[in-house]
Amino acid sequence: MFHALEVVTTVIVGLMVGVEFSVAFIMNRILDALPEDSGQLGHAHGGRMLGTLMPFWYIGSLVLSAIWAVAGWHHHGAGLVVTAAGLLILSVVMSILLLAPINNRSRTWTPENRPADWKQQLHRWNRYHYIRVAVIIAAFTLLVAALA
């Protein structure tokens, strides 16, 4: 049962990393290359869709990692799992304090109501997102290393 927890946690965190990496390095570039207001509308739609899903994924990943850390306290790699859980806590805090406020605003924007600095706000969100992606990649890497 413990091994199943390790594998499920690692897969769920890995999938989350893949989605967030794709947002950062693929989807945002695609949306930014669209003509006229299409990119901004795409960012708003993505913010609504992923802004609804990702909190559950982040919290779920953190909870699974915490359960693994507690259940495997005396197993090989426990320190790696605890550190990974700490990084996932950091990613949740970053999300709540830095990314969610911008996302909550931008998901309601249309070409008619967006603020004059909307591009700067999206760029700020992207900068924070790059850091968060690095944090969750580090957490994922630690979880994989703990499996070895």
Protein backbone atom coordinates (compact mmCIF):
# COMPACT_ATOMS: atom_id res chain seq x y z
CA MET A 1 0.00 0.00 0.00
CA PHE A 2 2.85 2.38 0.84
CA HIS A 3 4.46 1.83 -2.56
CA ALA A 4 1.14 2.67 -4.25
CA LEU A 5 1.03 5.94 -2.30
CA GLU A 6 4.55 6.78 -3.49
CA VAL A 7 3.70 6.06 -7.12
CA VAL A 8 0.31 7.82 -7.13
CA THR A 9 1.77 10.91 -5.44
CA THR A 10 4.69 11.07 -7.86
CA VAL A 11 2.43 10.66 -10.90
CA ILE A 12 -0.05 13.31 -9.72
CA VAL A 13 2.71 15.82 -8.95
CA GLY A 14 4.40 14.96 -12.26
CA LEU A 15 1.22 15.59 -14.22
CA MET A 16 0.76 18.92 -12.42
CA VAL A 17 4.32 19.88 -13.33
CA GLY A 18 3.60 18.96 -16.96
CA VAL A 19 0.47 21.11 -17.11
CA GLU A 20 2.15 24.11 -15.48
CA PHE A 21 5.27 23.73 -17.63
CA SER A 22 3.04 23.62 -20.71
CA VAL A 23 1.21 26.77 -19.61
CA ALA A 24 4.49 28.60 -19.05
CA PHE A 25 6.41 27.58 -22.13
CA ILE A 26 3.82 26.54 -24.72
CA MET A 27 0.30 27.87 -24.14
CA ASN A 28 1.31 31.41 -23.22
CA ARG A 29 3.44 31.69 -26.36
CA ILE A 30 0.56 30.40 -28.47
CA LEU A 31 -1.91 32.81 -26.89
CA ASP A 32 0.48 35.76 -27.20
CA ALA A 33 0.89 35.06 -30.94
CA LEU A 34 -2.85 35.18 -31.68
CA PRO A 35 -4.21 38.20 -33.56
CA GLU A 36 -5.97 41.18 -32.05
CA ASP A 37 -7.82 40.45 -28.80
CA SER A 38 -7.85 36.66 -29.17
CA GLY A 39 -4.80 36.17 -26.97
CA GLN A 40 -6.21 38.19 -24.10
CA LEU A 41 -9.54 36.37 -24.36
CA GLY A 42 -7.66 33.06 -24.37
CA HIS A 43 -5.73 34.06 -21.25
CA ALA A 44 -9.01 34.96 -19.54
CA HIS A 45 -10.60 31.63 -20.50
CA GLY A 46 -7.51 29.71 -19.38
CA GLY A 47 -7.56 31.62 -16.11
CA ARG A 48 -11.15 30.61 -15.50
CA MET A 49 -10.63 26.97 -16.45
CA LEU A 50 -7.28 26.30 -14.78
CA GLY A 51 -8.03 28.69 -11.92
CA THR A 52 -10.87 26.37 -10.96
CA LEU A 53 -8.94 23.10 -11.33
CA MET A 54 -5.43 23.87 -10.12
CA PRO A 55 -6.17 24.73 -6.46
CA PHE A 56 -7.48 21.18 -5.96
CA TRP A 57 -4.47 19.74 -7.78
CA TYR A 58 -1.97 21.78 -5.74
CA ILE A 59 -3.65 21.01 -2.42
CA GLY A 60 -4.13 17.36 -3.36
CA SER A 61 -0.46 17.03 -4.30
CA LEU A 62 0.55 18.64 -1.02
CA VAL A 63 -1.75 16.39 1.02
CA LEU A 64 -0.49 13.25 -0.73
CA SER A 65 3.13 14.32 -0.18
CA ALA A 66 2.43 15.03 3.49
CA ILE A 67 0.80 11.62 3.92
CA TRP A 68 3.81 10.01 2.24
CA ALA A 69 6.18 11.95 4.51
CA VAL A 70 4.33 10.85 7.66
CA ALA A 71 3.71 7.25 6.58
CA GLY A 72 7.27 6.85 5.35
CA TRP A 73 9.03 8.67 8.15
CA HIS A 74 11.33 5.70 8.81
CA HIS A 75 11.75 4.74 5.14
CA HIS A 76 14.59 5.61 2.83
CA GLY A 77 14.17 9.07 1.28
CA ALA A 78 11.92 10.53 3.98
CA GLY A 79 13.95 13.73 4.10
CA LEU A 80 13.52 14.17 0.36
CA VAL A 81 9.75 13.78 0.68
CA VAL A 82 9.58 16.25 3.57
CA THR A 83 11.59 18.76 1.53
CA ALA A 84 9.33 18.16 -1.49
CA ALA A 85 6.26 18.75 0.70
CA GLY A 86 7.87 21.97 1.94
CA LEU A 87 8.36 23.11 -1.64
CA LEU A 88 4.74 22.27 -2.43
CA ILE A 89 3.70 24.38 0.57
CA LEU A 90 5.77 27.21 -0.91
CA SER A 91 4.02 26.76 -4.27
CA VAL A 92 0.60 26.97 -2.60
CA VAL A 93 1.60 30.10 -0.66
CA MET A 94 2.97 31.67 -3.85
CA SER A 95 -0.26 30.80 -5.64
CA ILE A 96 -2.45 32.36 -2.97
CA LEU A 97 -0.38 35.50 -2.38
CA LEU A 98 1.08 36.27 -5.81
CA LEU A 99 -0.63 34.46 -8.67
CA ALA A 100 -4.28 34.06 -7.67
CA PRO A 101 -4.94 37.79 -7.17
CA ILE A 102 -3.75 38.55 -10.71
CA ASN A 103 -5.57 35.52 -12.13
CA ASN A 104 -8.80 36.45 -10.36
CA ARG A 105 -8.70 39.86 -12.02
CA SER A 106 -7.58 38.74 -15.47
CA ARG A 107 -10.12 35.95 -15.82
CA THR A 108 -12.91 38.55 -15.97
CA TRP A 109 -11.26 40.82 -18.53
CA THR A 110 -12.68 41.42 -21.95
CA PRO A 111 -11.39 43.86 -24.57
CA GLU A 112 -14.02 46.30 -23.30
CA ASN A 113 -13.23 46.20 -19.57
CA ARG A 114 -9.56 45.30 -19.25
CA PRO A 115 -7.32 47.82 -17.48
CA ALA A 116 -4.72 49.85 -19.34
CA ASP A 117 -1.89 47.85 -17.68
CA TRP A 118 -3.33 44.41 -18.47
CA LYS A 119 -0.22 43.30 -20.37
CA GLN A 120 2.05 44.30 -17.49
CA GLN A 121 -0.15 42.35 -15.07
CA LEU A 122 0.02 39.24 -17.29
CA HIS A 123 3.81 39.61 -17.54
CA ARG A 124 4.01 39.83 -13.73
CA TRP A 125 1.86 36.70 -13.43
CA ASN A 126 4.18 34.93 -15.90
CA ARG A 127 7.30 35.88 -13.92
CA TYR A 128 5.78 34.51 -10.72
CA HIS A 129 4.58 31.44 -12.61
CA TYR A 130 8.09 30.68 -13.91
CA ILE A 131 9.36 30.69 -10.32
CA ARG A 132 6.46 28.49 -9.19
CA VAL A 133 7.17 26.04 -12.03
CA ALA A 134 10.80 25.83 -10.90
CA VAL A 135 9.62 25.15 -7.34
CA ILE A 136 7.25 22.35 -8.33
CA ILE A 137 9.84 20.82 -10.69
CA ALA A 138 12.23 20.72 -7.73
CA ALA A 139 9.52 19.07 -5.58
CA PHE A 140 8.81 16.52 -8.29
CA THR A 141 12.51 15.76 -8.70
CA LEU A 142 12.82 15.14 -4.97
CA LEU A 143 9.84 12.79 -5.00
CA VAL A 144 11.34 10.83 -7.89
CA ALA A 145 14.68 10.66 -6.07
CA ALA A 146 12.90 9.39 -2.95
CA LEU A 147 11.56 6.47 -4.97
CA ALA A 148 15.06 5.32 -5.85
